[in-house]
Amino acid sequence: MTYFMQFYLLLALLFTFFCICLDTVKVRWQITQEFENQEYLKVSQNKLKQINIQLQTEHHHLNSPAKIERYAKEVLKMSEITKKTIIRYEK
């Protein structure tokens, strides 16, 4: 091999090595971004779980029988039936 062919081969190898190094840096940066994204998603999931628990608690509170009975008595002016009436039909 001549000196110039060895020089060009060395340049080609250095360029290939440089490209591989850049690709390695890019992959490491992407992995770092994905870890940050994963942490953000975990925080968001925890917030949504807390909101879900609050909404379930509010739902059970609003649909409780005592709340519905109080609303019926105060707002709709309904009253409880205390007297039973028995109707008998004669044939």
Protein backbone atom coordinates (compact mmCIF):
# COMPACT_ATOMS: atom_id res chain seq x y z
CA MET A 1 0.00 0.00 0.00
CA THR A 2 1.21 3.38 -0.75
CA TYR A 3 1.48 6.16 1.76
CA PHE A 4 -1.51 8.06 0.26
CA MET A 5 -3.78 5.01 0.35
CA GLN A 6 -2.92 4.46 4.01
CA PHE A 7 -3.59 8.13 4.70
CA TYR A 8 -7.01 7.98 2.96
CA LEU A 9 -7.87 4.75 4.77
CA LEU A 10 -6.94 6.42 8.07
CA LEU A 11 -9.12 9.42 7.22
CA ALA A 12 -12.03 7.13 6.31
CA LEU A 13 -11.66 5.25 9.60
CA LEU A 14 -11.46 8.49 11.59
CA PHE A 15 -14.59 9.81 9.83
CA THR A 16 -16.42 6.53 10.58
CA PHE A 17 -15.29 6.71 14.22
CA PHE A 18 -16.46 10.33 14.45
CA CYS A 19 -19.89 9.39 13.00
CA ILE A 20 -20.24 6.53 15.50
CA CYS A 21 -19.30 8.86 18.38
CA LEU A 22 -21.93 11.40 17.28
CA ASP A 23 -24.53 8.65 17.03
CA THR A 24 -23.62 7.45 20.54
CA VAL A 25 -24.03 10.96 21.94
CA LYS A 26 -27.40 11.29 20.19
CA VAL A 27 -28.64 7.98 21.62
CA ARG A 28 -27.52 8.92 25.14
CA TRP A 29 -29.30 12.26 24.86
CA GLN A 30 -32.49 10.51 23.73
CA ILE A 31 -32.29 8.09 26.66
CA THR A 32 -31.91 11.03 29.05
CA GLN A 33 -34.94 12.73 27.51
CA GLU A 34 -37.00 9.56 27.87
CA PHE A 35 -36.09 9.25 31.55
CA GLU A 36 -37.18 12.85 32.13
CA ASN A 37 -40.39 12.19 30.23
CA GLN A 38 -41.00 9.09 32.36
CA GLU A 39 -40.59 11.09 35.57
CA TYR A 40 -43.00 13.75 34.28
CA LEU A 41 -45.54 11.05 33.43
CA LYS A 42 -45.23 9.54 36.91
CA VAL A 43 -45.90 12.92 38.52
CA SER A 44 -48.87 13.50 36.20
CA GLN A 45 -50.25 10.05 37.01
CA ASN A 46 -50.05 10.72 40.74
CA LYS A 47 -51.86 14.04 40.33
CA LEU A 48 -54.59 12.38 38.28
CA LYS A 49 -54.97 9.64 40.90
CA GLN A 50 -55.46 12.30 43.60
CA ILE A 51 -58.05 14.11 41.47
CA ASN A 52 -59.81 10.81 40.82
CA ILE A 53 -60.00 10.07 44.56
CA GLN A 54 -61.39 13.55 45.24
CA LEU A 55 -64.01 13.17 42.51
CA GLN A 56 -65.05 9.74 43.77
CA THR A 57 -65.42 11.14 47.28
CA GLU A 58 -67.51 14.03 45.98
CA HIS A 59 -69.64 11.64 43.91
CA HIS A 60 -70.36 9.42 46.93
CA HIS A 61 -71.14 12.48 49.05
CA LEU A 62 -73.54 13.97 46.52
CA ASN A 63 -75.33 10.66 45.91
CA SER A 64 -75.67 9.65 49.55
CA PRO A 65 -79.23 8.86 50.67
CA ALA A 66 -79.07 11.37 53.54
CA LYS A 67 -78.10 14.20 51.17
CA ILE A 68 -80.88 13.31 48.74
CA GLU A 69 -83.43 13.12 51.59
CA ARG A 70 -82.38 16.51 52.97
CA TYR A 71 -82.59 18.06 49.48
CA ALA A 72 -86.06 16.61 48.99
CA LYS A 73 -87.28 17.98 52.32
CA GLU A 74 -85.70 21.44 52.16
CA VAL A 75 -85.77 22.39 48.49
CA LEU A 76 -88.61 20.33 47.05
CA LYS A 77 -90.75 20.66 50.22
CA MET A 78 -91.50 16.96 50.36
CA SER A 79 -92.40 15.18 53.57
CA GLU A 80 -92.19 11.63 54.82
CA ILE A 81 -95.21 9.40 54.69
CA THR A 82 -96.00 8.44 58.25
CA LYS A 83 -99.59 7.27 57.97
CA LYS A 84 -100.31 4.04 56.17
CA THR A 85 -103.62 3.70 54.42
CA ILE A 86 -104.96 0.29 53.53
CA ILE A 87 -107.47 0.16 50.70
CA ARG A 88 -109.61 -2.95 50.39
CA TYR A 89 -111.67 -3.68 47.39
CA GLU A 90 -114.89 -5.62 47.82
CA LYS A 91 -116.21 -7.88 45.17
